Amino acid sequence: MNRTTILNDALKATKDRGEDYGKPSENFERIATLWEAYTGNKYTVADVGLMMMLVKISRLMESPTHEDSWVDLAGYSAVTAEAIAYTSDIPLPPPAQQSTAPMRQVSRY
């Protein structure tokens, strides 16, 4: 287990999942809407990403050498940062550094 392998595996996983689930910002907005309907609490794209990372951290607390959880944590970190940037006033990274899913404008509200 080393950082190069973990980051390369995370990059591959996020590209694959982008093809399956679409843009992280849209996916996280859907998740936030579902969580809000279930709990009655309001959630943001950032909340979704951070809580998904907490799931991985919880798993790592039980099995700290489980490489797949480290890969997923790195991937969630990257897609959460992208989703937050896409749904805020922060400039987007160049297209080559974004998800492989097609880009389209999304309203914040």
Protein backbone atom coordinates (compact mmCIF):
# COMPACT_ATOMS: atom_id res chain seq x y z
CA MET A 1 0.00 0.00 0.00
CA ASN A 2 1.47 3.34 -1.08
CA ARG A 3 0.14 6.78 -2.01
CA THR A 4 0.80 6.41 -5.73
CA THR A 5 -1.22 3.20 -5.93
CA ILE A 6 -4.00 4.59 -3.75
CA LEU A 7 -4.28 7.83 -5.74
CA ASN A 8 -4.11 6.06 -9.11
CA ASP A 9 -6.76 3.57 -8.00
CA ALA A 10 -8.93 6.43 -6.69
CA LEU A 11 -8.63 8.25 -10.02
CA LYS A 12 -9.72 5.14 -11.91
CA ALA A 13 -12.59 4.51 -9.50
CA THR A 14 -13.89 8.09 -9.73
CA LYS A 15 -13.77 7.98 -13.54
CA ASP A 16 -15.62 4.65 -13.59
CA ARG A 17 -18.23 5.87 -11.11
CA GLY A 18 -18.62 9.13 -13.02
CA GLU A 19 -19.64 7.09 -16.04
CA ASP A 20 -22.12 5.09 -13.92
CA TYR A 21 -23.55 7.80 -11.66
CA GLY A 22 -22.96 11.10 -13.48
CA LYS A 23 -21.41 14.28 -12.18
CA PRO A 24 -20.60 14.24 -8.46
CA SER A 25 -22.44 17.53 -7.87
CA GLU A 26 -25.66 16.13 -9.35
CA ASN A 27 -25.30 12.80 -7.58
CA PHE A 28 -24.61 14.46 -4.23
CA GLU A 29 -27.58 16.83 -4.73
CA ARG A 30 -29.83 13.78 -5.30
CA ILE A 31 -28.45 12.12 -2.17
CA ALA A 32 -28.96 15.31 -0.14
CA THR A 33 -32.59 15.49 -1.32
CA LEU A 34 -33.22 11.86 -0.36
CA TRP A 35 -31.56 12.27 3.04
CA GLU A 36 -33.63 15.40 3.65
CA ALA A 37 -36.84 13.53 2.79
CA TYR A 38 -35.85 10.69 5.12
CA THR A 39 -34.65 12.75 8.11
CA GLY A 40 -36.41 16.09 7.73
CA ASN A 41 -33.02 17.84 7.96
CA LYS A 42 -31.45 19.97 5.24
CA TYR A 43 -28.20 18.68 3.68
CA THR A 44 -25.76 20.27 1.27
CA VAL A 45 -23.45 18.75 -1.33
CA ALA A 46 -20.61 19.30 1.15
CA ASP A 47 -22.53 17.48 3.90
CA VAL A 48 -23.03 14.47 1.63
CA GLY A 49 -19.36 14.27 0.67
CA LEU A 50 -18.14 14.72 4.22
CA MET A 51 -20.55 12.13 5.63
CA MET A 52 -19.58 9.63 2.93
CA MET A 53 -15.95 10.18 3.97
CA LEU A 54 -16.95 9.59 7.61
CA VAL A 55 -18.39 6.21 6.60
CA LYS A 56 -15.01 5.29 5.14
CA ILE A 57 -13.18 6.62 8.21
CA SER A 58 -15.43 4.54 10.46
CA ARG A 59 -14.55 1.45 8.43
CA LEU A 60 -10.85 2.30 8.60
CA MET A 61 -11.09 2.57 12.38
CA GLU A 62 -12.06 -1.13 12.37
CA SER A 63 -9.68 -2.23 9.58
CA PRO A 64 -6.91 0.37 9.13
CA THR A 65 -5.01 -1.73 6.59
CA HIS A 66 -7.99 -2.24 4.26
CA GLU A 67 -6.63 -0.57 1.12
CA ASP A 68 -9.97 -0.28 -0.67
CA SER A 69 -11.29 2.01 2.09
CA TRP A 70 -8.24 4.27 1.67
CA VAL A 71 -8.86 4.35 -2.09
CA ASP A 72 -12.53 5.23 -1.54
CA LEU A 73 -11.63 7.93 0.99
CA ALA A 74 -9.21 9.55 -1.49
CA GLY A 75 -11.86 9.33 -4.20
CA TYR A 76 -14.58 10.86 -2.02
CA SER A 77 -12.21 13.67 -1.08
CA ALA A 78 -11.59 14.50 -4.73
CA VAL A 79 -15.19 14.27 -5.93
CA THR A 80 -16.45 16.21 -2.90
CA ALA A 81 -14.04 19.06 -3.66
CA GLU A 82 -15.19 19.03 -7.30
CA ALA A 83 -18.87 18.93 -6.34
CA ILE A 84 -18.45 21.84 -3.91
CA ALA A 85 -16.59 23.87 -6.53
CA TYR A 86 -19.28 23.15 -9.11
CA THR A 87 -22.13 24.20 -6.82
CA SER A 88 -20.44 27.35 -5.49
CA ASP A 89 -18.86 30.51 -6.83
CA ILE A 90 -15.40 28.89 -6.83
CA PRO A 91 -14.02 28.61 -10.39
CA LEU A 92 -14.16 25.11 -11.85
CA PRO A 93 -10.95 23.19 -12.52
CA PRO A 94 -10.02 22.63 -16.17
CA PRO A 95 -12.26 20.02 -17.86
CA ALA A 96 -9.41 17.48 -18.02
CA GLN A 97 -9.33 17.46 -14.19
CA GLN A 98 -13.08 16.96 -13.79
CA SER A 99 -15.30 13.90 -13.94
CA THR A 100 -15.52 12.11 -17.26
CA ALA A 101 -19.30 12.46 -17.21
CA PRO A 102 -20.76 15.14 -19.52
CA MET A 103 -20.90 18.63 -18.00
CA ARG A 104 -24.06 20.72 -17.85
CA GLN A 105 -25.05 23.81 -15.90
CA VAL A 106 -26.84 23.06 -12.62
CA SER A 107 -28.85 25.55 -10.60
CA ARG A 108 -27.81 25.90 -6.98
CA TYR A 109 -31.41 26.17 -5.82
